[in-house]
Protein backbone atom coordinates (compact mmCIF):
# COMPACT_ATOMS: atom_id res chain seq x y z
CA MET A 1 -40.32 29.14 -52.78
CA ALA A 2 -39.08 32.60 -54.15
CA GLY A 3 -41.66 34.33 -52.00
CA VAL A 4 -40.48 32.85 -48.84
CA ALA A 5 -36.78 33.77 -49.73
CA ALA A 6 -37.70 37.24 -50.63
CA ALA A 7 -39.78 37.59 -47.38
CA ALA A 8 -36.46 36.14 -45.56
CA ALA A 9 -34.29 38.93 -47.49
CA ALA A 10 -36.98 41.73 -46.69
CA ALA A 11 -36.64 40.67 -43.08
CA MET A 12 -33.07 40.66 -42.77
CA ALA A 13 -33.10 44.05 -44.40
CA ASN A 14 -35.90 45.55 -41.99
CA ALA A 15 -33.61 44.13 -39.20
CA ILE A 16 -30.20 45.62 -40.57
CA LYS A 17 -31.96 49.15 -40.82
CA ALA A 18 -33.25 48.95 -37.19
CA SER A 19 -30.10 48.22 -35.52
CA GLY A 20 -27.80 50.59 -37.57
CA ALA A 21 -24.44 49.57 -39.07
CA ILE A 22 -22.98 46.73 -37.30
CA VAL A 23 -19.07 46.64 -38.34
CA GLU A 24 -17.37 43.53 -37.61
CA VAL A 25 -13.40 44.28 -36.30
CA ASN A 26 -10.68 42.14 -35.20
CA PRO A 27 -10.45 41.84 -31.46
CA GLU A 28 -7.25 44.23 -31.59
CA LEU A 29 -9.12 47.05 -33.30
CA PHE A 30 -12.10 46.89 -31.19
CA MET A 31 -9.82 47.35 -28.08
CA THR A 32 -7.99 50.35 -29.99
CA ILE A 33 -11.70 51.70 -30.57
CA LEU A 34 -12.35 51.30 -26.84
CA ALA A 35 -9.32 53.05 -26.20
CA ARG A 36 -10.38 56.08 -28.05
CA GLU A 37 -13.41 56.52 -26.36
CA ARG A 38 -12.05 56.87 -22.91
CA ASP A 39 -13.80 60.20 -22.00
CA SER A 40 -17.31 59.11 -23.06
CA ARG A 41 -17.38 55.36 -21.15
CA PRO A 42 -18.25 53.31 -23.41
CA LEU A 43 -21.27 50.30 -22.74
CA VAL A 44 -19.96 47.00 -23.93
CA ILE A 45 -22.18 43.95 -24.59
CA MET A 46 -20.28 40.86 -23.65
CA ALA A 47 -21.91 37.30 -24.11
CA GLN A 48 -20.05 33.76 -24.19
CA GLY A 49 -20.89 31.10 -26.80
CA GLY A 50 -19.55 28.25 -28.51
CA VAL A 51 -21.15 24.86 -28.76
CA ILE A 52 -17.54 22.71 -29.47
CA LYS A 53 -15.35 25.61 -28.27
CA THR A 54 -15.95 28.55 -25.99
CA ASN A 55 -15.65 31.96 -27.92
CA TYR A 56 -16.50 35.66 -26.55
CA ARG A 57 -18.54 37.99 -28.46
CA TYR A 58 -18.20 41.92 -27.82
CA ALA A 59 -20.47 44.94 -29.41
CA ALA A 60 -20.13 48.60 -28.56
CA ALA A 61 -21.63 51.63 -30.05
CA CYS A 62 -19.41 54.41 -31.24
CA ARG A 63 -20.31 57.42 -33.36
CA GLY A 64 -23.66 55.74 -34.60
CA PHE A 65 -21.91 52.45 -35.37
CA ILE A 66 -22.01 49.13 -33.72
CA PHE A 67 -18.74 47.69 -33.59
CA TYR A 68 -18.85 43.78 -33.28
CA THR A 69 -16.15 41.19 -32.62
CA LYS A 70 -15.57 37.57 -31.66
CA SER A 71 -12.73 36.11 -30.04
CA GLY A 72 -11.32 32.46 -28.49
CA ASP A 73 -10.21 34.26 -25.34
CA SER A 74 -12.13 36.60 -22.97
CA LEU A 75 -10.55 40.23 -23.72
CA MET A 76 -9.23 42.28 -20.66
CA LEU A 77 -11.68 45.27 -21.10
CA PRO A 78 -10.25 48.73 -20.14
CA GLY A 79 -11.84 50.11 -16.73
CA HIS A 80 -13.56 53.16 -18.20
CA VAL A 81 -16.04 50.77 -20.02
CA ASP A 82 -19.32 49.72 -18.39
CA VAL A 83 -19.78 46.09 -19.37
CA ILE A 84 -23.16 44.26 -19.45
CA THR A 85 -23.36 40.45 -19.75
CA ALA A 86 -25.78 39.20 -22.25
CA ARG A 87 -27.29 35.59 -22.57
CA LYS A 88 -26.35 35.89 -26.47
CA ILE A 89 -25.51 38.58 -29.26
CA TRP A 90 -26.58 37.89 -32.33
CA ALA A 91 -25.45 39.63 -35.86
CA PRO A 92 -26.48 39.31 -39.17
CA SER A 93 -24.31 37.58 -41.47
């Protein structure tokens, strides 16, 4: 059983290394980060999820980090961002 747990931990570590640093922030800070990136036209990935209650998940790359947030309400994204709607966003926990 310990071997399975070690393999799962190694797989998770490799996934994090492959994706870079994922920083979870609150929706307000996510919007502030997007506002600061006005000149670079950031790309935002958005997905709707939830089983009992709908939630919205967002991810955007900025300065080598991936910023991620989850909100109960849809965010009013600024006009200078490009948005791609994904079926699902997965972030390691």
